[in-house]
Amino acid sequence: MPLSLANAQVEKLLKMAGAERVSADAIAYLNELLVNYGLEISKYAIEIAKHAGRKTVQGGDIKLAAENMSK
């Protein structure tokens, strides 16, 4: 089974953004996008940690990876 976030949390995110109602397919699609983006950030953050000679991924690695991916 592929990795996914809790549907209730994805729905909550959409509602926090202003949606009154959310369809199941909207939840599923956003869930897939969030997981894929999160995996890409994670992979980049792991490379950053390794380059720094660490095995532990730190918050700064995630932040740097996300900032560089958005450019």
PDB file of N, CA and C in Angstrom:
ATOM      1  N   MET A   1       0.848  -1.192   0.000  1.00  0.00           N
ATOM      2  CA  MET A   1       0.000   0.000   0.000  1.00  0.00           C
ATOM      3  C   MET A   1       0.886   1.245   0.000  1.00  0.00           C
ATOM      4  N   PRO A   2       0.615   2.175  -0.891  1.00  0.00           N
ATOM      5  CA  PRO A   2       1.437   3.396  -0.946  1.00  0.00           C
ATOM      6  C   PRO A   2       1.253   4.257   0.303  1.00  0.00           C
ATOM      7  N   LEU A   3       2.254   5.048   0.559  1.00  0.00           N
ATOM      8  CA  LEU A   3       2.230   5.960   1.696  1.00  0.00           C
ATOM      9  C   LEU A   3       1.160   7.019   1.495  1.00  0.00           C
ATOM     10  N   SER A   4       0.450   7.357   2.571  1.00  0.00           N
ATOM     11  CA  SER A   4      -0.517   8.449   2.493  1.00  0.00           C
ATOM     12  C   SER A   4      -0.682   9.065   3.874  1.00  0.00           C
ATOM     13  N   LEU A   5      -1.188  10.278   3.880  1.00  0.00           N
ATOM     14  CA  LEU A   5      -1.490  10.973   5.120  1.00  0.00           C
ATOM     15  C   LEU A   5      -2.912  10.618   5.523  1.00  0.00           C
ATOM     16  N   ALA A   6      -3.286  10.929   6.740  1.00  0.00           N
ATOM     17  CA  ALA A   6      -4.651  10.681   7.189  1.00  0.00           C
ATOM     18  C   ALA A   6      -5.608  11.586   6.417  1.00  0.00           C
ATOM     19  N   ASN A   7      -6.634  10.989   5.819  1.00  0.00           N
ATOM     20  CA  ASN A   7      -7.592  11.764   5.030  1.00  0.00           C
ATOM     21  C   ASN A   7      -8.234  12.873   5.844  1.00  0.00           C
ATOM     22  N   ALA A   8      -8.496  12.616   7.110  1.00  0.00           N
ATOM     23  CA  ALA A   8      -9.122  13.630   7.964  1.00  0.00           C
ATOM     24  C   ALA A   8      -8.226  14.860   8.087  1.00  0.00           C
ATOM     25  N   GLN A   9      -6.924  14.652   8.153  1.00  0.00           N
ATOM     26  CA  GLN A   9      -6.002  15.779   8.263  1.00  0.00           C
ATOM     27  C   GLN A   9      -5.914  16.560   6.957  1.00  0.00           C
ATOM     28  N   VAL A  10      -5.967  15.861   5.842  1.00  0.00           N
ATOM     29  CA  VAL A  10      -5.937  16.536   4.543  1.00  0.00           C
ATOM     30  C   VAL A  10      -7.221  17.349   4.358  1.00  0.00           C
ATOM     31  N   GLU A  11      -8.351  16.770   4.750  1.00  0.00           N
ATOM     32  CA  GLU A  11      -9.618  17.490   4.678  1.00  0.00           C
ATOM     33  C   GLU A  11      -9.583  18.726   5.582  1.00  0.00           C
ATOM     34  N   LYS A  12      -9.028  18.565   6.772  1.00  0.00           N
ATOM     35  CA  LYS A  12      -8.920  19.690   7.706  1.00  0.00           C
ATOM     36  C   LYS A  12      -8.075  20.808   7.095  1.00  0.00           C
ATOM     37  N   LEU A  13      -6.991  20.452   6.425  1.00  0.00           N
ATOM     38  CA  LEU A  13      -6.141  21.433   5.760  1.00  0.00           C
ATOM     39  C   LEU A  13      -6.928  22.215   4.706  1.00  0.00           C
ATOM     40  N   LEU A  14      -7.698  21.506   3.897  1.00  0.00           N
ATOM     41  CA  LEU A  14      -8.513  22.165   2.870  1.00  0.00           C
ATOM     42  C   LEU A  14      -9.550  23.096   3.496  1.00  0.00           C
ATOM     43  N   LYS A  15     -10.141  22.656   4.585  1.00  0.00           N
ATOM     44  CA  LYS A  15     -11.139  23.489   5.254  1.00  0.00           C
ATOM     45  C   LYS A  15     -10.496  24.699   5.919  1.00  0.00           C
ATOM     46  N   MET A  16      -9.291  24.528   6.442  1.00  0.00           N
ATOM     47  CA  MET A  16      -8.568  25.669   7.013  1.00  0.00           C
ATOM     48  C   MET A  16      -8.255  26.704   5.929  1.00  0.00           C
ATOM     49  N   ALA A  17      -8.105  26.232   4.697  1.00  0.00           N
ATOM     50  CA  ALA A  17      -7.826  27.118   3.566  1.00  0.00           C
ATOM     51  C   ALA A  17      -9.095  27.811   3.071  1.00  0.00           C
ATOM     52  N   GLY A  18     -10.249  27.379   3.590  1.00  0.00           N
ATOM     53  CA  GLY A  18     -11.494  28.063   3.244  1.00  0.00           C
ATOM     54  C   GLY A  18     -12.549  27.234   2.557  1.00  0.00           C
ATOM     55  N   ALA A  19     -12.283  25.967   2.267  1.00  0.00           N
ATOM     56  CA  ALA A  19     -13.283  25.123   1.608  1.00  0.00           C
ATOM     57  C   ALA A  19     -14.427  24.824   2.579  1.00  0.00           C
ATOM     58  N   GLU A  20     -15.658  24.947   2.084  1.00  0.00           N
ATOM     59  CA  GLU A  20     -16.811  24.594   2.918  1.00  0.00           C
ATOM     60  C   GLU A  20     -17.047  23.091   2.888  1.00  0.00           C
ATOM     61  N   ARG A  21     -16.948  22.524   1.686  1.00  0.00           N
ATOM     62  CA  ARG A  21     -17.123  21.079   1.516  1.00  0.00           C
ATOM     63  C   ARG A  21     -15.970  20.568   0.668  1.00  0.00           C
ATOM     64  N   VAL A  22     -15.617  19.303   0.885  1.00  0.00           N
ATOM     65  CA  VAL A  22     -14.468  18.724   0.180  1.00  0.00           C
ATOM     66  C   VAL A  22     -14.841  17.329  -0.304  1.00  0.00           C
ATOM     67  N   SER A  23     -14.627  17.060  -1.578  1.00  0.00           N
ATOM     68  CA  SER A  23     -14.934  15.737  -2.131  1.00  0.00           C
ATOM     69  C   SER A  23     -13.815  14.748  -1.806  1.00  0.00           C
ATOM     70  N   ALA A  24     -14.155  13.484  -1.862  1.00  0.00           N
ATOM     71  CA  ALA A  24     -13.176  12.427  -1.586  1.00  0.00           C
ATOM     72  C   ALA A  24     -12.037  12.450  -2.591  1.00  0.00           C
ATOM     73  N   ASP A  25     -12.348  12.744  -3.857  1.00  0.00           N
ATOM     74  CA  ASP A  25     -11.271  12.759  -4.856  1.00  0.00           C
ATOM     75  C   ASP A  25     -10.340  13.954  -4.666  1.00  0.00           C
ATOM     76  N   ALA A  26     -10.857  15.074  -4.146  1.00  0.00           N
ATOM     77  CA  ALA A  26      -9.995  16.225  -3.846  1.00  0.00           C
ATOM     78  C   ALA A  26      -9.034  15.872  -2.717  1.00  0.00           C
ATOM     79  N   ILE A  27      -9.540  15.180  -1.703  1.00  0.00           N
ATOM     80  CA  ILE A  27      -8.696  14.745  -0.581  1.00  0.00           C
ATOM     81  C   ILE A  27      -7.623  13.793  -1.079  1.00  0.00           C
ATOM     82  N   ALA A  28      -8.017  12.837  -1.904  1.00  0.00           N
ATOM     83  CA  ALA A  28      -7.066  11.838  -2.410  1.00  0.00           C
ATOM     84  C   ALA A  28      -5.974  12.489  -3.261  1.00  0.00           C
ATOM     85  N   TYR A  29      -6.366  13.424  -4.124  1.00  0.00           N
ATOM     86  CA  TYR A  29      -5.385  14.061  -5.000  1.00  0.00           C
ATOM     87  C   TYR A  29      -4.429  14.940  -4.219  1.00  0.00           C
ATOM     88  N   LEU A  30      -4.947  15.751  -3.289  1.00  0.00           N
ATOM     89  CA  LEU A  30      -4.064  16.595  -2.479  1.00  0.00           C
ATOM     90  C   LEU A  30      -3.157  15.728  -1.624  1.00  0.00           C
ATOM     91  N   ASN A  31      -3.680  14.634  -1.101  1.00  0.00           N
ATOM     92  CA  ASN A  31      -2.893  13.705  -0.304  1.00  0.00           C
ATOM     93  C   ASN A  31      -1.698  13.201  -1.113  1.00  0.00           C
ATOM     94  N   GLU A  32      -1.956  12.789  -2.342  1.00  0.00           N
ATOM     95  CA  GLU A  32      -0.887  12.287  -3.216  1.00  0.00           C
ATOM     96  C   GLU A  32       0.158  13.371  -3.485  1.00  0.00           C
ATOM     97  N   LEU A  33      -0.303  14.593  -3.764  1.00  0.00           N
ATOM     98  CA  LEU A  33       0.625  15.698  -4.025  1.00  0.00           C
ATOM     99  C   LEU A  33       1.486  16.003  -2.802  1.00  0.00           C
ATOM    100  N   LEU A  34       0.861  16.053  -1.626  1.00  0.00           N
ATOM    101  CA  LEU A  34       1.605  16.350  -0.400  1.00  0.00           C
ATOM    102  C   LEU A  34       2.652  15.283  -0.104  1.00  0.00           C
ATOM    103  N   VAL A  35       2.277  14.016  -0.280  1.00  0.00           N
ATOM    104  CA  VAL A  35       3.221  12.926  -0.029  1.00  0.00           C
ATOM    105  C   VAL A  35       4.385  12.989  -1.012  1.00  0.00           C
ATOM    106  N   ASN A  36       4.083  13.194  -2.291  1.00  0.00           N
ATOM    107  CA  ASN A  36       5.149  13.255  -3.298  1.00  0.00           C
ATOM    108  C   ASN A  36       6.091  14.428  -3.047  1.00  0.00           C
ATOM    109  N   TYR A  37       5.532  15.592  -2.721  1.00  0.00           N
ATOM    110  CA  TYR A  37       6.365  16.760  -2.444  1.00  0.00           C
ATOM    111  C   TYR A  37       7.189  16.537  -1.181  1.00  0.00           C
ATOM    112  N   GLY A  38       6.569  15.957  -0.174  1.00  0.00           N
ATOM    113  CA  GLY A  38       7.279  15.655   1.072  1.00  0.00           C
ATOM    114  C   GLY A  38       8.427  14.684   0.863  1.00  0.00           C
ATOM    115  N   LEU A  39       8.220  13.695   0.012  1.00  0.00           N
ATOM    116  CA  LEU A  39       9.291  12.739  -0.279  1.00  0.00           C
ATOM    117  C   LEU A  39      10.456  13.409  -0.999  1.00  0.00           C
ATOM    118  N   GLU A  40      10.151  14.292  -1.930  1.00  0.00           N
ATOM    119  CA  GLU A  40      11.213  14.997  -2.658  1.00  0.00           C
ATOM    120  C   GLU A  40      12.012  15.904  -1.720  1.00  0.00           C
ATOM    121  N   ILE A  41      11.322  16.621  -0.851  1.00  0.00           N
ATOM    122  CA  ILE A  41      12.016  17.462   0.131  1.00  0.00           C
ATOM    123  C   ILE A  41      12.871  16.586   1.038  1.00  0.00           C
ATOM    124  N   SER A  42      12.333  15.460   1.473  1.00  0.00           N
ATOM    125  CA  SER A  42      13.062  14.559   2.367  1.00  0.00           C
ATOM    126  C   SER A  42      14.326  14.025   1.721  1.00  0.00           C
ATOM    127  N   LYS A  43      14.225  13.613   0.471  1.00  0.00           N
ATOM    128  CA  LYS A  43      15.400  13.093  -0.244  1.00  0.00           C
ATOM    129  C   LYS A  43      16.495  14.158  -0.345  1.00  0.00           C
ATOM    130  N   TYR A  44      16.080  15.390  -0.659  1.00  0.00           N
ATOM    131  CA  TYR A  44      17.045  16.480  -0.775  1.00  0.00           C
ATOM    132  C   TYR A  44      17.656  16.799   0.589  1.00  0.00           C
ATOM    133  N   ALA A  45      16.830  16.779   1.627  1.00  0.00           N
ATOM    134  CA  ALA A  45      17.331  17.045   2.982  1.00  0.00           C
ATOM    135  C   ALA A  45      18.329  15.972   3.423  1.00  0.00           C
ATOM    136  N   ILE A  46      18.104  14.750   3.037  1.00  0.00           N
ATOM    137  CA  ILE A  46      19.041  13.661   3.359  1.00  0.00           C
ATOM    138  C   ILE A  46      20.386  13.911   2.673  1.00  0.00           C
ATOM    139  N   GLU A  47      20.340  14.354   1.422  1.00  0.00           N
ATOM    140  CA  GLU A  47      21.585  14.688   0.713  1.00  0.00           C
ATOM    141  C   GLU A  47      22.333  15.812   1.432  1.00  0.00           C
ATOM    142  N   ILE A  48      21.599  16.807   1.899  1.00  0.00           N
ATOM    143  CA  ILE A  48      22.217  17.933   2.612  1.00  0.00           C
ATOM    144  C   ILE A  48      22.884  17.439   3.889  1.00  0.00           C
ATOM    145  N   ALA A  49      22.187  16.588   4.640  1.00  0.00           N
ATOM    146  CA  ALA A  49      22.751  16.051   5.887  1.00  0.00           C
ATOM    147  C   ALA A  49      24.005  15.228   5.601  1.00  0.00           C
ATOM    148  N   LYS A  50      23.954  14.389   4.578  1.00  0.00           N
ATOM    149  CA  LYS A  50      25.121  13.569   4.217  1.00  0.00           C
ATOM    150  C   LYS A  50      26.293  14.452   3.809  1.00  0.00           C
ATOM    151  N   HIS A  51      26.015  15.496   3.040  1.00  0.00           N
ATOM    152  CA  HIS A  51      27.069  16.419   2.607  1.00  0.00           C
ATOM    153  C   HIS A  51      27.725  17.087   3.822  1.00  0.00           C
ATOM    154  N   ALA A  52      26.941  17.312   4.867  1.00  0.00           N
ATOM    155  CA  ALA A  52      27.467  17.928   6.092  1.00  0.00           C
ATOM    156  C   ALA A  52      28.129  16.897   6.998  1.00  0.00           C
ATOM    157  N   GLY A  53      28.174  15.633   6.566  1.00  0.00           N
ATOM    158  CA  GLY A  53      28.821  14.587   7.345  1.00  0.00           C
ATOM    159  C   GLY A  53      27.957  14.051   8.487  1.00  0.00           C
ATOM    160  N   ARG A  54      26.651  14.210   8.363  1.00  0.00           N
ATOM    161  CA  ARG A  54      25.742  13.748   9.406  1.00  0.00           C
ATOM    162  C   ARG A  54      24.825  12.660   8.882  1.00  0.00           C
ATOM    163  N   LYS A  55      24.396  11.792   9.797  1.00  0.00           N
ATOM    164  CA  LYS A  55      23.376  10.803   9.481  1.00  0.00           C
ATOM    165  C   LYS A  55      21.997  11.315   9.877  1.00  0.00           C
ATOM    166  N   THR A  56      21.972  12.269  10.795  1.00  0.00           N
ATOM    167  CA  THR A  56      20.718  12.805  11.308  1.00  0.00           C
ATOM    168  C   THR A  56      20.246  13.985  10.469  1.00  0.00           C
ATOM    169  N   VAL A  57      19.017  13.892   9.974  1.00  0.00           N
ATOM    170  CA  VAL A  57      18.408  15.006   9.242  1.00  0.00           C
ATOM    171  C   VAL A  57      17.860  15.973  10.281  1.00  0.00           C
ATOM    172  N   GLN A  58      18.239  17.240  10.139  1.00  0.00           N
ATOM    173  CA  GLN A  58      17.818  18.259  11.092  1.00  0.00           C
ATOM    174  C   GLN A  58      16.798  19.199  10.447  1.00  0.00           C
ATOM    175  N   GLY A  59      16.144  19.977  11.297  1.00  0.00           N
ATOM    176  CA  GLY A  59      15.151  20.919  10.816  1.00  0.00           C
ATOM    177  C   GLY A  59      15.697  21.871   9.773  1.00  0.00           C
ATOM    178  N   GLY A  60      16.918  22.319   9.971  1.00  0.00           N
ATOM    179  CA  GLY A  60      17.545  23.221   9.013  1.00  0.00           C
ATOM    180  C   GLY A  60      17.729  22.579   7.646  1.00  0.00           C
ATOM    181  N   ASP A  61      17.964  21.268   7.628  1.00  0.00           N
ATOM    182  CA  ASP A  61      18.105  20.548   6.356  1.00  0.00           C
ATOM    183  C   ASP A  61      16.781  20.563   5.590  1.00  0.00           C
ATOM    184  N   ILE A  62      15.688  20.339   6.319  1.00  0.00           N
ATOM    185  CA  ILE A  62      14.362  20.355   5.705  1.00  0.00           C
ATOM    186  C   ILE A  62      14.064  21.755   5.170  1.00  0.00           C
ATOM    187  N   LYS A  63      14.359  22.760   5.997  1.00  0.00           N
ATOM    188  CA  LYS A  63      14.097  24.146   5.601  1.00  0.00           C
ATOM    189  C   LYS A  63      14.893  24.507   4.354  1.00  0.00           C
ATOM    190  N   LEU A  64      16.177  24.182   4.344  1.00  0.00           N
ATOM    191  CA  LEU A  64      17.026  24.487   3.198  1.00  0.00           C
ATOM    192  C   LEU A  64      16.558  23.741   1.954  1.00  0.00           C
ATOM    193  N   ALA A  65      16.202  22.485   2.119  1.00  0.00           N
ATOM    194  CA  ALA A  65      15.720  21.698   0.974  1.00  0.00           C
ATOM    195  C   ALA A  65      14.442  22.296   0.403  1.00  0.00           C
ATOM    196  N   ALA A  66      13.507  22.669   1.265  1.00  0.00           N
ATOM    197  CA  ALA A  66      12.240  23.240   0.802  1.00  0.00           C
ATOM    198  C   ALA A  66      12.467  24.586   0.116  1.00  0.00           C
ATOM    199  N   GLU A  67      13.343  25.393   0.678  1.00  0.00           N
ATOM    200  CA  GLU A  67      13.635  26.701   0.076  1.00  0.00           C
ATOM    201  C   GLU A  67      14.259  26.535  -1.304  1.00  0.00           C
ATOM    202  N   ASN A  68      15.189  25.588  -1.424  1.00  0.00           N
ATOM    203  CA  ASN A  68      15.865  25.394  -2.706  1.00  0.00           C
ATOM    204  C   ASN A  68      14.969  24.743  -3.742  1.00  0.00           C
ATOM    205  N   MET A  69      14.006  23.933  -3.311  1.00  0.00           N
ATOM    206  CA  MET A  69      13.102  23.298  -4.251  1.00  0.00           C
ATOM    207  C   MET A  69      12.069  24.283  -4.800  1.00  0.00           C
ATOM    208  N   SER A  70      11.792  25.332  -4.054  1.00  0.00           N
ATOM    209  CA  SER A  70      10.790  26.296  -4.502  1.00  0.00           C
ATOM    210  C   SER A  70      11.369  27.318  -5.476  1.00  0.00           C
ATOM    211  N   LYS A  71      12.659  27.256  -5.716  1.00  0.00           N
ATOM    212  CA  LYS A  71      13.304  28.208  -6.634  1.00  0.00           C
ATOM    213  C   LYS A  71      13.265  27.685  -8.055  1.00  0.00           C
TER     214      LYS A  71
END
